[in-house]
Amino acid sequence: MKFLHTSDWHVGKVLKGHNRLDEQRAVLREIVQVARDHQVDAVLVAGDLYESSAPSADAQRLVVQVLLALRRTGAEVIAIAGNHDHAATFDAYRPLMASAGITLAGGARVAADGGVVEFTARSTREPVVVALLPFLSQRHAVRAAQLVTKTPGEAAAGYGRLVRDLLAALTSGFRDDAVNLVMAHLMAARGKLGGGERSAQSIVEYWVPDDAFPPDAHYVALGHLHRRQSLPAPCPVHYCGSPIALDFGEQDNPSVVLVVEAEVGALTRITAEVPIRSGRRLRTVRGAIDELTQHADSFGDDYLRVLLCEPARAGLQQDVRRLLPNALEVRIDPEFTASVDPVNTARPSPPAAGVERGPAELLHEYCVTRELIDERVEALFARLHDQVTIGNT
């Protein structure tokens, strides 16, 4: 049987104040087309469908439309909540989505209550068993372990151990005559961050060890890390990564979805890492404004992070944005700042004892210490200062 593995859509994500909903719509339309072209039996969405636990109406409308479109391809559609999603809302809409043939899972459940989903692959008539583990915060892990494993949870128990117990309970019903799959949203211990993940749920306390994954699983479909990667484990364990670069730290990550073939009694194989190209490229460019001017035409419609290799001055950012309208972030390159020799940088001498400095002198000295030398700033300050002081006399 064949299935599509995707995750970390983060619909509603805004980049440096720029709304990307149209891009996200195009990306998700591409994913629907992949499911249609490859005639997959199932689509597994491994969490973080939304950027926020309180998504906008437009974001929710888009996600619902895409899930329905995926279902109309004839595939089983199963989606779990990630750490950005609101688990309780997923569970609230679970009955409604089920009426459309879509499975939503917000929180951990026992196998008989939706923690495990079973269906028959339309292409091969093989039975398929999917164990679902949505994201669990540390404060909910003990309660979920008690619910699913039916054993007393220990508050002091490590997060990784609790997740391992949960997975063991959920996969205990795996069958020899079925394709056995796991879908989870978690931080695997050997996983590499993609660059835009929420750090609070990616630290050591959230690491899940390799031995948490059952050896009899044909495939483990993970979400949470935005970088496409495979992990060493007793069974095939894969992150598909995000289908769109979410921040400049992810600008070099490939944006893909995975098409996977699994068969009872055979090794699972990834038949396609399908590139998703609708998202605009993110790019970091460096140089002085004169250098950037020479290369401006080569940047196309990429979103830019501009690191300037010249001293700050009033109006510099505005000059860059006029030159590069797609510049979403403009700042002085830290390497350039560090390269300035503090010994040779002009600094104001301390005033002689009893000598008072006026506002204009104080501003000038501040600008010198911060390397913000611009006569226009000081002239504007002087004019405004005169207006204020004259108006008060």
Protein backbone atom coordinates (compact mmCIF):
# COMPACT_ATOMS: atom_id res chain seq x y z
CA MET A 1 0.00 0.00 0.00
CA LYS A 2 1.07 3.58 -0.56
CA PHE A 3 0.76 6.63 1.69
CA LEU A 4 1.84 10.26 1.79
CA HIS A 5 3.67 11.63 4.87
CA THR A 6 3.51 15.38 5.52
CA SER A 7 3.65 17.61 8.59
CA ASP A 8 4.33 21.07 9.98
CA TRP A 9 2.20 23.14 7.64
CA HIS A 10 2.01 26.00 10.20
CA VAL A 11 -0.89 27.62 8.38
CA GLY A 12 -1.24 31.22 9.55
CA LYS A 13 2.48 31.70 10.12
CA VAL A 14 3.50 35.32 9.57
CA LEU A 15 7.11 36.03 8.59
CA LYS A 16 8.49 39.34 9.92
CA GLY A 17 4.99 40.80 9.79
CA HIS A 18 4.32 39.49 6.26
CA ASN A 19 1.17 37.39 5.77
CA ARG A 20 1.92 34.23 3.74
CA LEU A 21 -1.55 32.69 3.56
CA ASP A 22 -1.63 32.82 -0.26
CA GLU A 23 1.71 30.99 -0.37
CA GLN A 24 0.48 28.42 2.11
CA ARG A 25 -2.63 27.89 0.01
CA ALA A 26 -0.49 27.21 -3.06
CA VAL A 27 1.78 24.84 -1.12
CA LEU A 28 -1.16 22.82 0.20
CA ARG A 29 -2.75 22.73 -3.25
CA GLU A 30 0.51 21.16 -4.47
CA ILE A 31 0.32 18.51 -1.72
CA VAL A 32 -3.25 17.61 -2.74
CA GLN A 33 -2.02 17.19 -6.31
CA VAL A 34 0.79 14.88 -5.15
CA ALA A 35 -1.74 12.70 -3.33
CA ARG A 36 -3.87 12.61 -6.46
CA ASP A 37 -1.00 11.90 -8.88
CA HIS A 38 0.45 9.09 -6.76
CA GLN A 39 -2.99 7.63 -5.94
CA VAL A 40 -2.04 7.10 -2.32
CA ASP A 41 -4.14 4.98 0.00
CA ALA A 42 -3.66 7.34 2.95
CA VAL A 43 -2.38 10.78 3.88
CA LEU A 44 -0.71 11.11 7.28
CA VAL A 45 -0.42 14.67 8.61
CA ALA A 46 1.92 14.48 11.60
CA GLY A 47 0.97 17.63 13.49
CA ASP A 48 1.36 21.43 13.51
CA LEU A 49 -1.30 22.03 10.91
CA TYR A 50 -1.57 25.55 12.35
CA GLU A 51 0.96 28.08 13.54
CA SER A 52 -1.17 29.10 16.50
CA SER A 53 -3.42 27.36 19.00
CA ALA A 54 -5.94 30.14 18.19
CA PRO A 55 -5.78 30.27 14.37
CA SER A 56 -7.63 32.88 12.38
CA ALA A 57 -10.84 32.01 10.57
CA ASP A 58 -8.98 32.21 7.24
CA ALA A 59 -6.35 29.75 8.47
CA GLN A 60 -8.99 27.32 9.73
CA ARG A 61 -10.95 27.60 6.50
CA LEU A 62 -7.86 26.75 4.47
CA VAL A 63 -6.92 23.71 6.56
CA VAL A 64 -10.47 22.31 6.46
CA GLN A 65 -10.66 22.83 2.70
CA VAL A 66 -7.35 21.02 2.20
CA LEU A 67 -8.29 18.08 4.42
CA LEU A 68 -11.53 17.70 2.48
CA ALA A 69 -9.67 17.94 -0.83
CA LEU A 70 -7.26 15.24 0.30
CA ARG A 71 -10.20 13.04 1.27
CA ARG A 72 -11.78 13.58 -2.17
CA THR A 73 -8.73 11.90 -3.73
CA GLY A 74 -10.04 8.69 -2.19
CA ALA A 75 -7.29 8.48 0.44
CA GLU A 76 -7.79 7.91 4.13
CA VAL A 77 -6.85 11.19 5.83
CA ILE A 78 -5.46 11.11 9.37
CA ALA A 79 -4.11 14.19 11.18
CA ILE A 80 -2.81 14.67 14.71
CA ALA A 81 -2.24 17.79 16.79
CA GLY A 82 1.26 19.17 17.21
CA ASN A 83 2.65 21.50 19.86
CA HIS A 84 1.37 24.56 17.94
CA ASP A 85 -2.16 23.16 17.59
CA HIS A 86 -4.97 23.25 20.15
CA ALA A 87 -5.55 19.61 21.05
CA ALA A 88 -8.95 20.15 22.66
CA THR A 89 -10.26 21.86 19.52
CA PHE A 90 -9.07 18.96 17.38
CA ASP A 91 -10.98 16.57 19.61
CA ALA A 92 -14.06 18.81 19.61
CA TYR A 93 -14.21 18.68 15.81
CA ARG A 94 -13.32 14.99 15.66
CA PRO A 95 -16.97 13.74 15.23
CA LEU A 96 -17.71 16.33 12.55
CA MET A 97 -14.56 15.53 10.56
CA ALA A 98 -15.23 11.81 10.97
CA SER A 99 -18.53 12.28 9.15
CA ALA A 100 -16.44 13.40 6.16
CA GLY A 101 -14.11 10.42 6.49
CA ILE A 102 -11.28 12.37 8.12
CA THR A 103 -9.64 11.32 11.39
CA LEU A 104 -8.47 14.06 13.77
CA ALA A 105 -6.63 13.27 17.01
CA GLY A 106 -5.96 16.02 19.50
CA GLY A 107 -4.92 14.19 22.67
CA ALA A 108 -3.59 10.76 23.56
CA ARG A 109 -6.29 8.07 23.65
CA VAL A 110 -6.47 4.38 24.39
CA ALA A 111 -6.42 2.17 21.32
CA ALA A 112 -10.11 1.31 21.52
CA ASP A 113 -11.11 4.99 21.76
CA GLY A 114 -9.30 6.24 18.69
CA GLY A 115 -5.67 5.93 19.72
CA VAL A 116 -5.32 3.34 16.95
CA VAL A 117 -6.99 3.64 13.54
CA GLU A 118 -7.55 0.67 11.23
CA PHE A 119 -8.59 0.66 7.59
CA THR A 120 -8.20 -1.40 4.42
CA ALA A 121 -5.93 -0.01 1.71
CA ARG A 122 -8.03 0.60 -1.40
CA SER A 123 -5.24 -0.39 -3.81
CA THR A 124 -4.10 -3.70 -2.29
CA ARG A 125 -6.88 -4.58 0.18
CA GLU A 126 -4.22 -4.97 2.85
CA PRO A 127 -5.25 -4.17 6.43
CA VAL A 128 -3.49 -1.09 7.87
CA VAL A 129 -3.06 -0.27 11.56
CA VAL A 130 -1.98 3.26 12.56
CA ALA A 131 -1.03 4.12 16.16
CA LEU A 132 -1.48 7.85 16.87
CA LEU A 133 0.42 9.91 19.41
CA PRO A 134 -0.27 13.67 19.20
CA PHE A 135 2.12 16.05 20.95
CA LEU A 136 2.19 15.82 24.73
CA SER A 137 3.44 18.59 26.99
CA GLN A 138 5.39 17.49 30.04
CA ARG A 139 2.52 18.34 32.35
CA HIS A 140 0.14 16.13 30.37
CA ALA A 141 2.50 13.20 29.78
CA VAL A 142 1.96 11.55 33.17
CA ARG A 143 -1.82 11.81 32.90
CA ALA A 144 -1.76 10.42 29.35
CA ALA A 145 0.46 7.51 30.44
CA GLN A 146 -1.96 6.65 33.22
CA LEU A 147 -4.88 6.78 30.79
CA VAL A 148 -3.34 4.69 28.03
CA THR A 149 -1.12 2.22 29.88
CA LYS A 150 -3.50 1.75 32.83
CA THR A 151 -0.54 1.86 35.22
CA PRO A 152 0.28 4.47 37.90
CA GLY A 153 2.32 7.28 36.46
CA GLU A 154 5.23 8.77 38.34
CA ALA A 155 5.61 12.53 38.20
CA ALA A 156 9.36 12.10 38.47
CA ALA A 157 9.50 9.73 35.51
CA GLY A 158 11.35 11.07 32.50
CA TYR A 159 9.35 12.38 29.56
CA GLY A 160 11.07 9.98 27.15
CA ARG A 161 10.20 6.99 29.30
CA LEU A 162 6.56 7.99 29.49
CA VAL A 163 6.35 8.40 25.72
CA ARG A 164 8.00 5.01 25.28
CA ASP A 165 5.36 3.44 27.57
CA LEU A 166 2.59 5.16 25.60
CA LEU A 167 3.91 3.91 22.27
CA ALA A 168 4.35 0.41 23.65
CA ALA A 169 0.71 0.36 24.77
CA LEU A 170 -0.62 1.79 21.52
CA THR A 171 1.38 -0.61 19.35
CA SER A 172 0.75 -3.73 21.43
CA GLY A 173 -2.07 -4.62 19.02
CA PHE A 174 0.08 -4.53 15.88
CA ARG A 175 -0.74 -7.50 13.64
CA ASP A 176 1.41 -9.87 11.62
CA ASP A 177 -1.05 -9.72 8.70
CA ALA A 178 -1.23 -5.88 8.57
CA VAL A 179 0.87 -2.87 7.62
CA ASN A 180 1.69 -1.36 11.02
CA LEU A 181 2.34 2.39 11.15
CA VAL A 182 3.06 4.93 13.89
CA MET A 183 2.38 8.65 13.56
CA ALA A 184 3.63 10.98 16.31
CA HIS A 185 4.61 14.58 16.92
CA LEU A 186 7.71 14.60 19.10
CA MET A 187 11.40 15.44 19.50
CA ALA A 188 13.50 12.35 18.73
CA ALA A 189 16.81 12.34 20.59
CA ARG A 190 18.98 12.19 17.46
CA GLY A 191 16.90 14.58 15.42
CA LYS A 192 18.40 17.78 14.02
CA LEU A 193 16.49 21.03 14.38
CA GLY A 194 15.28 22.59 11.18
CA GLY A 195 15.80 26.17 12.34
CA GLY A 196 12.32 27.45 13.10
CA GLU A 197 10.97 25.15 15.80
CA ARG A 198 9.64 26.40 19.11
CA SER A 199 12.64 25.93 21.41
CA ALA A 200 10.62 25.31 24.56
CA GLN A 201 9.41 21.96 23.16
CA SER A 202 12.72 20.99 21.54
CA ILE A 203 15.01 20.94 24.58
CA VAL A 204 16.59 17.91 26.24
CA GLU A 205 13.62 17.40 28.59
CA TYR A 206 11.48 16.56 25.55
CA TRP A 207 13.86 14.11 23.89
CA VAL A 208 12.46 10.68 23.10
CA PRO A 209 15.05 7.85 22.83
CA ASP A 210 15.51 5.58 19.80
CA ASP A 211 14.26 2.51 21.64
CA ALA A 212 10.83 4.12 22.09
CA PHE A 213 9.94 3.11 18.54
CA PRO A 214 8.64 -0.46 18.16
CA PRO A 215 10.75 -2.78 15.98
CA ASP A 216 7.65 -4.30 14.37
CA ALA A 217 6.49 -0.96 12.93
CA HIS A 218 6.73 -0.79 9.15
CA TYR A 219 7.21 2.99 9.35
CA VAL A 220 7.16 5.80 11.92
CA ALA A 221 5.90 9.11 10.51
CA LEU A 222 7.11 11.98 12.69
CA GLY A 223 6.33 15.67 12.82
CA HIS A 224 7.88 18.53 14.83
CA LEU A 225 11.33 18.99 13.27
CA HIS A 226 11.23 21.03 10.08
CA ARG A 227 14.23 19.37 8.45
CA ARG A 228 13.76 16.27 6.27
CA GLN A 229 15.72 13.44 7.94
CA SER A 230 15.85 9.73 8.72
CA LEU A 231 16.84 8.46 12.15
CA PRO A 232 18.67 5.32 13.29
CA ALA A 233 16.13 3.18 15.14
CA PRO A 234 14.86 -0.43 15.29
CA CYS A 235 12.41 0.43 12.48
CA PRO A 236 12.17 3.07 9.70
CA VAL A 237 11.76 6.46 11.42
CA HIS A 238 11.40 9.61 9.32
CA TYR A 239 10.72 13.31 9.62
CA CYS A 240 9.35 14.68 6.35
CA GLY A 241 10.07 18.28 7.36
CA SER A 242 7.95 21.32 6.59
CA PRO A 243 6.74 21.80 2.99
CA ILE A 244 7.57 25.52 3.22
CA ALA A 245 10.52 27.34 4.76
CA LEU A 246 9.03 29.00 7.83
CA ASP A 247 11.90 31.26 8.87
CA PHE A 248 15.32 32.30 7.60
CA GLY A 249 16.95 29.61 9.73
CA GLU A 250 15.27 27.11 7.38
CA GLN A 251 16.27 28.74 4.10
CA ASP A 252 18.51 25.82 3.04
CA ASN A 253 16.10 23.02 4.00
CA PRO A 254 14.51 21.10 1.10
CA SER A 255 10.72 21.41 1.11
CA VAL A 256 9.27 17.97 0.36
CA VAL A 257 6.56 15.46 1.13
CA LEU A 258 7.26 11.73 1.23
CA VAL A 259 5.48 9.02 -0.73
CA VAL A 260 6.01 5.67 0.98
CA GLU A 261 5.26 2.08 -0.01
CA ALA A 262 4.71 -0.52 2.71
CA GLU A 263 3.78 -4.17 2.41
CA VAL A 264 3.09 -6.98 4.85
CA GLY A 265 6.26 -9.04 5.23
CA ALA A 266 8.44 -6.68 3.20
CA LEU A 267 10.77 -3.75 3.80
CA THR A 268 9.19 -0.31 3.60
CA ARG A 269 10.64 2.07 1.03
CA ILE A 270 10.28 5.75 0.29
CA THR A 271 9.45 5.85 -3.39
CA ALA A 272 9.50 9.62 -3.78
CA GLU A 273 10.66 12.72 -1.96
CA VAL A 274 8.44 15.09 -3.90
CA PRO A 275 9.69 18.71 -3.95
CA ILE A 276 7.11 21.35 -3.03
CA ARG A 277 7.98 24.49 -4.95
CA SER A 278 5.10 26.92 -4.40
CA GLY A 279 6.64 28.58 -1.33
CA ARG A 280 8.84 31.54 -2.07
CA ARG A 281 12.51 31.06 -1.35
CA LEU A 282 14.06 32.69 1.73
CA ARG A 283 17.56 34.07 1.26
CA THR A 284 20.14 35.87 3.40
CA VAL A 285 22.28 38.42 1.55
CA ARG A 286 25.28 40.34 2.87
CA GLY A 287 27.17 43.40 1.75
CA ALA A 288 27.29 47.17 1.67
CA ILE A 289 24.39 48.87 -0.02
CA ASP A 290 26.51 49.59 -3.12
CA GLU A 291 27.28 45.87 -3.47
CA LEU A 292 23.64 44.90 -3.00
CA THR A 293 22.64 47.40 -5.69
CA GLN A 294 24.84 45.56 -8.20
CA HIS A 295 23.12 42.22 -7.48
CA ALA A 296 19.56 43.41 -6.84
CA ASP A 297 18.20 42.00 -10.11
CA SER A 298 19.42 38.50 -9.28
CA PHE A 299 17.30 38.16 -6.13
CA GLY A 300 14.04 37.72 -8.03
CA ASP A 301 10.98 37.44 -5.78
CA ASP A 302 12.88 35.79 -2.90
CA TYR A 303 12.15 37.04 0.59
CA LEU A 304 15.37 38.56 1.89
CA ARG A 305 17.17 38.94 5.18
CA VAL A 306 19.71 41.69 4.57
CA LEU A 307 22.87 41.88 6.66
CA LEU A 308 24.60 45.18 5.96
CA CYS A 309 28.35 45.52 6.07
CA GLU A 310 28.53 49.24 6.71
CA PRO A 311 27.98 51.56 9.68
CA ALA A 312 24.43 52.31 10.71
CA ARG A 313 23.02 55.69 9.76
CA ALA A 314 19.64 57.35 9.70
CA GLY A 315 17.59 56.29 6.70
CA LEU A 316 19.75 53.26 5.88
CA GLN A 317 16.95 50.75 6.39
CA GLN A 318 14.58 52.79 4.24
CA ASP A 319 17.21 52.98 1.49
CA VAL A 320 17.57 49.19 1.53
CA ARG A 321 13.82 48.61 1.39
CA ARG A 322 13.48 50.96 -1.58
CA LEU A 323 16.21 49.03 -3.35
CA LEU A 324 14.96 45.58 -2.26
CA PRO A 325 11.17 45.63 -1.74
CA ASN A 326 11.21 41.96 -0.64
CA ALA A 327 13.60 42.64 2.23
CA LEU A 328 11.70 41.46 5.31
CA GLU A 329 14.58 41.99 7.74
CA VAL A 330 17.37 44.56 7.57
CA ARG A 331 20.13 44.85 10.13
CA ILE A 332 23.85 45.39 10.50
CA ASP A 333 25.85 42.18 10.04
CA PRO A 334 27.15 41.14 13.51
CA GLU A 335 30.42 40.01 11.89
CA PHE A 336 30.90 43.47 10.45
CA THR A 337 30.24 45.06 13.85
CA ALA A 338 32.68 42.70 15.52
CA SER A 339 35.36 43.52 12.97
CA VAL A 340 35.39 47.19 13.95
CA ASP A 341 38.52 47.84 16.00
CA PRO A 342 37.34 49.45 19.24
CA VAL A 343 40.82 50.89 19.88
CA ASN A 344 40.75 52.94 16.68
CA THR A 345 37.11 53.96 16.92
CA ALA A 346 36.73 57.61 17.76
CA ARG A 347 35.21 58.06 21.20
CA PRO A 348 34.29 61.30 22.90
CA SER A 349 36.69 62.49 25.55
CA PRO A 350 35.26 62.83 29.03
CA PRO A 351 34.23 66.42 29.78
CA ALA A 352 36.44 68.57 31.92
CA ALA A 353 35.39 68.96 35.53
CA GLY A 354 32.59 71.50 35.94
CA VAL A 355 31.88 71.71 32.18
CA GLU A 356 28.25 71.09 31.29
CA ARG A 357 27.27 69.76 27.85
CA GLY A 358 24.19 70.84 25.98
CA PRO A 359 21.61 68.50 24.45
CA ALA A 360 23.17 68.69 20.98
CA GLU A 361 26.58 67.71 22.36
CA LEU A 362 25.11 64.83 24.31
CA LEU A 363 23.33 63.55 21.21
CA HIS A 364 26.51 63.83 19.14
CA GLU A 365 28.52 61.90 21.71
CA TYR A 366 25.86 59.19 21.87
CA CYS A 367 25.85 58.86 18.08
CA VAL A 368 29.64 58.55 18.03
CA THR A 369 29.66 55.78 20.63
CA ARG A 370 26.97 53.87 18.67
CA GLU A 371 28.58 54.56 15.27
CA LEU A 372 25.44 56.35 14.09
CA ILE A 373 27.09 59.31 12.44
CA ASP A 374 24.64 61.22 10.31
CA GLU A 375 24.52 65.01 10.04
CA ARG A 376 20.83 64.89 9.11
CA VAL A 377 19.93 63.39 12.48
CA GLU A 378 21.79 66.05 14.41
CA ALA A 379 20.34 68.83 12.24
CA LEU A 380 16.82 67.51 12.76
CA PHE A 381 17.41 67.25 16.50
CA ALA A 382 18.69 70.81 16.63
CA ARG A 383 15.63 72.09 14.72
CA LEU A 384 13.18 70.22 16.97
CA HIS A 385 15.05 71.30 20.07
CA ASP A 386 14.86 74.93 18.98
CA GLN A 387 11.13 74.65 18.33
CA VAL A 388 10.50 73.20 21.76
CA THR A 389 12.72 75.60 23.70
CA ILE A 390 11.53 78.69 21.78
CA GLY A 391 7.91 77.61 22.26
CA ASN A 392 8.44 77.39 26.03
CA THR A 393 10.09 80.81 26.46
